[in-house]
Amino acid sequence: MPGFVLLVRARGDGDTGVRLGVTVTKKIGNAVVRNRMKRRFRALGRELLPTRGVPGADHVLIGRAGGVERDFAQLRAELTKALAKVRR
């Protein structure tokens, strides 16, 4: 099970920009842990969304338990796989 849930919704406003939203609930841990997870998600978004994201859509990453402990490369692979599924 991945360390996040990815939601993608087309905006339909004619803008081809890709936007990212990140949310991590208090169930995940204290503020330090949640902020670390959000920083990792934003770094992944900056790296992957410009080339692999859906143009004209909002992408929301919802942090799940176990996402903080995952290796960054594993999170990158999971997000790449999720974005490939969405683009199909």
C-alpha atoms as a PDB file:
ATOM      1  CA  MET A   1       0.000   0.000   0.000  1.00  0.00           C
ATOM      2  CA  PRO A   2       1.445   3.383  -0.986  1.00  0.00           C
ATOM      3  CA  GLY A   3       2.172   6.086   1.573  1.00  0.00           C
ATOM      4  CA  PHE A   4      -0.369   8.424   0.003  1.00  0.00           C
ATOM      5  CA  VAL A   5      -3.618   8.713  -1.918  1.00  0.00           C
ATOM      6  CA  LEU A   6      -3.582  10.679  -5.167  1.00  0.00           C
ATOM      7  CA  LEU A   7      -6.708  12.514  -6.298  1.00  0.00           C
ATOM      8  CA  VAL A   8      -6.774  14.184  -9.708  1.00  0.00           C
ATOM      9  CA  ARG A   9      -9.620  16.364 -10.937  1.00  0.00           C
ATOM     10  CA  ALA A  10      -9.756  18.359 -14.156  1.00  0.00           C
ATOM     11  CA  ARG A  11     -10.541  22.019 -13.535  1.00  0.00           C
ATOM     12  CA  GLY A  12     -12.214  22.684 -16.873  1.00  0.00           C
ATOM     13  CA  ASP A  13     -11.280  26.376 -16.852  1.00  0.00           C
ATOM     14  CA  GLY A  14      -9.095  26.274 -19.970  1.00  0.00           C
ATOM     15  CA  ASP A  15      -5.867  26.745 -18.023  1.00  0.00           C
ATOM     16  CA  THR A  16      -3.301  24.033 -18.791  1.00  0.00           C
ATOM     17  CA  GLY A  17      -1.329  24.566 -15.584  1.00  0.00           C
ATOM     18  CA  VAL A  18      -0.810  21.748 -13.117  1.00  0.00           C
ATOM     19  CA  ARG A  19      -1.562  22.476  -9.458  1.00  0.00           C
ATOM     20  CA  LEU A  20      -0.670  20.484  -6.356  1.00  0.00           C
ATOM     21  CA  GLY A  21      -2.387  20.293  -2.999  1.00  0.00           C
ATOM     22  CA  VAL A  22      -1.018  18.397  -0.004  1.00  0.00           C
ATOM     23  CA  THR A  23      -2.815  17.313   3.146  1.00  0.00           C
ATOM     24  CA  VAL A  24      -1.693  15.191   6.076  1.00  0.00           C
ATOM     25  CA  THR A  25      -4.056  14.500   8.964  1.00  0.00           C
ATOM     26  CA  LYS A  26      -3.199  14.553  12.651  1.00  0.00           C
ATOM     27  CA  LYS A  27      -3.551  10.766  12.710  1.00  0.00           C
ATOM     28  CA  ILE A  28      -0.139  10.553  11.044  1.00  0.00           C
ATOM     29  CA  GLY A  29       1.874  12.081  13.877  1.00  0.00           C
ATOM     30  CA  ASN A  30       2.892  15.305  15.527  1.00  0.00           C
ATOM     31  CA  ALA A  31       3.524  18.569  13.663  1.00  0.00           C
ATOM     32  CA  VAL A  32       7.167  17.764  12.957  1.00  0.00           C
ATOM     33  CA  VAL A  33       6.269  14.465  11.285  1.00  0.00           C
ATOM     34  CA  ARG A  34       3.379  15.962   9.309  1.00  0.00           C
ATOM     35  CA  ASN A  35       5.502  18.868   8.072  1.00  0.00           C
ATOM     36  CA  ARG A  36       8.296  16.507   7.001  1.00  0.00           C
ATOM     37  CA  MET A  37       5.786  14.488   5.016  1.00  0.00           C
ATOM     38  CA  LYS A  38       4.370  17.624   3.373  1.00  0.00           C
ATOM     39  CA  ARG A  39       7.866  18.803   2.426  1.00  0.00           C
ATOM     40  CA  ARG A  40       8.589  15.443   0.800  1.00  0.00           C
ATOM     41  CA  PHE A  41       5.306  15.548  -1.133  1.00  0.00           C
ATOM     42  CA  ARG A  42       5.982  19.083  -2.371  1.00  0.00           C
ATOM     43  CA  ALA A  43       9.472  18.035  -3.507  1.00  0.00           C
ATOM     44  CA  LEU A  44       7.970  15.101  -5.403  1.00  0.00           C
ATOM     45  CA  GLY A  45       5.387  17.394  -6.969  1.00  0.00           C
ATOM     46  CA  ARG A  46       8.027  19.859  -8.149  1.00  0.00           C
ATOM     47  CA  GLU A  47      10.012  17.005  -9.645  1.00  0.00           C
ATOM     48  CA  LEU A  48       7.296  14.899 -11.307  1.00  0.00           C
ATOM     49  CA  LEU A  49       4.196  16.970 -12.013  1.00  0.00           C
ATOM     50  CA  PRO A  50       5.587  19.276 -14.717  1.00  0.00           C
ATOM     51  CA  THR A  51       6.324  16.296 -16.968  1.00  0.00           C
ATOM     52  CA  ARG A  52       3.997  13.541 -15.730  1.00  0.00           C
ATOM     53  CA  GLY A  53       1.029  15.447 -14.331  1.00  0.00           C
ATOM     54  CA  VAL A  54      -2.304  15.900 -16.076  1.00  0.00           C
ATOM     55  CA  PRO A  55      -2.446  19.339 -17.757  1.00  0.00           C
ATOM     56  CA  GLY A  56      -5.326  21.492 -16.543  1.00  0.00           C
ATOM     57  CA  ALA A  57      -5.926  19.408 -13.430  1.00  0.00           C
ATOM     58  CA  ASP A  58      -5.572  19.718  -9.685  1.00  0.00           C
ATOM     59  CA  HIS A  59      -3.529  16.976  -8.017  1.00  0.00           C
ATOM     60  CA  VAL A  60      -4.028  16.328  -4.301  1.00  0.00           C
ATOM     61  CA  LEU A  61      -1.726  14.103  -2.276  1.00  0.00           C
ATOM     62  CA  ILE A  62      -3.202  12.827   0.977  1.00  0.00           C
ATOM     63  CA  GLY A  63      -0.601  11.427   3.350  1.00  0.00           C
ATOM     64  CA  ARG A  64      -1.170   8.004   4.844  1.00  0.00           C
ATOM     65  CA  ALA A  65       0.453   6.149   7.723  1.00  0.00           C
ATOM     66  CA  GLY A  66       3.822   4.744   6.777  1.00  0.00           C
ATOM     67  CA  GLY A  67       4.559   7.427   4.203  1.00  0.00           C
ATOM     68  CA  VAL A  68       7.141   9.178   6.359  1.00  0.00           C
ATOM     69  CA  GLU A  69       9.171   6.026   6.932  1.00  0.00           C
ATOM     70  CA  ARG A  70       9.330   5.210   3.223  1.00  0.00           C
ATOM     71  CA  ASP A  71      12.450   5.848   1.236  1.00  0.00           C
ATOM     72  CA  PHE A  72      12.166   8.920  -1.001  1.00  0.00           C
ATOM     73  CA  ALA A  73      12.982   6.845  -4.092  1.00  0.00           C
ATOM     74  CA  GLN A  74      10.150   4.459  -3.241  1.00  0.00           C
ATOM     75  CA  LEU A  75       7.703   7.361  -2.862  1.00  0.00           C
ATOM     76  CA  ARG A  76       8.902   8.716  -6.226  1.00  0.00           C
ATOM     77  CA  ALA A  77       8.299   5.322  -7.865  1.00  0.00           C
ATOM     78  CA  GLU A  78       4.824   5.055  -6.317  1.00  0.00           C
ATOM     79  CA  LEU A  79       3.850   8.554  -7.462  1.00  0.00           C
ATOM     80  CA  THR A  80       5.218   7.911 -10.957  1.00  0.00           C
ATOM     81  CA  LYS A  81       3.134   4.739 -11.159  1.00  0.00           C
ATOM     82  CA  ALA A  82       0.017   6.523  -9.877  1.00  0.00           C
ATOM     83  CA  LEU A  83       0.414   9.378 -12.369  1.00  0.00           C
ATOM     84  CA  ALA A  84       0.870   6.880 -15.219  1.00  0.00           C
ATOM     85  CA  LYS A  85      -2.424   5.208 -14.231  1.00  0.00           C
ATOM     86  CA  VAL A  86      -4.214   8.563 -14.173  1.00  0.00           C
ATOM     87  CA  ARG A  87      -2.913   9.574 -17.600  1.00  0.00           C
ATOM     88  CA  ARG A  88      -4.305   6.419 -19.247  1.00  0.00           C
END
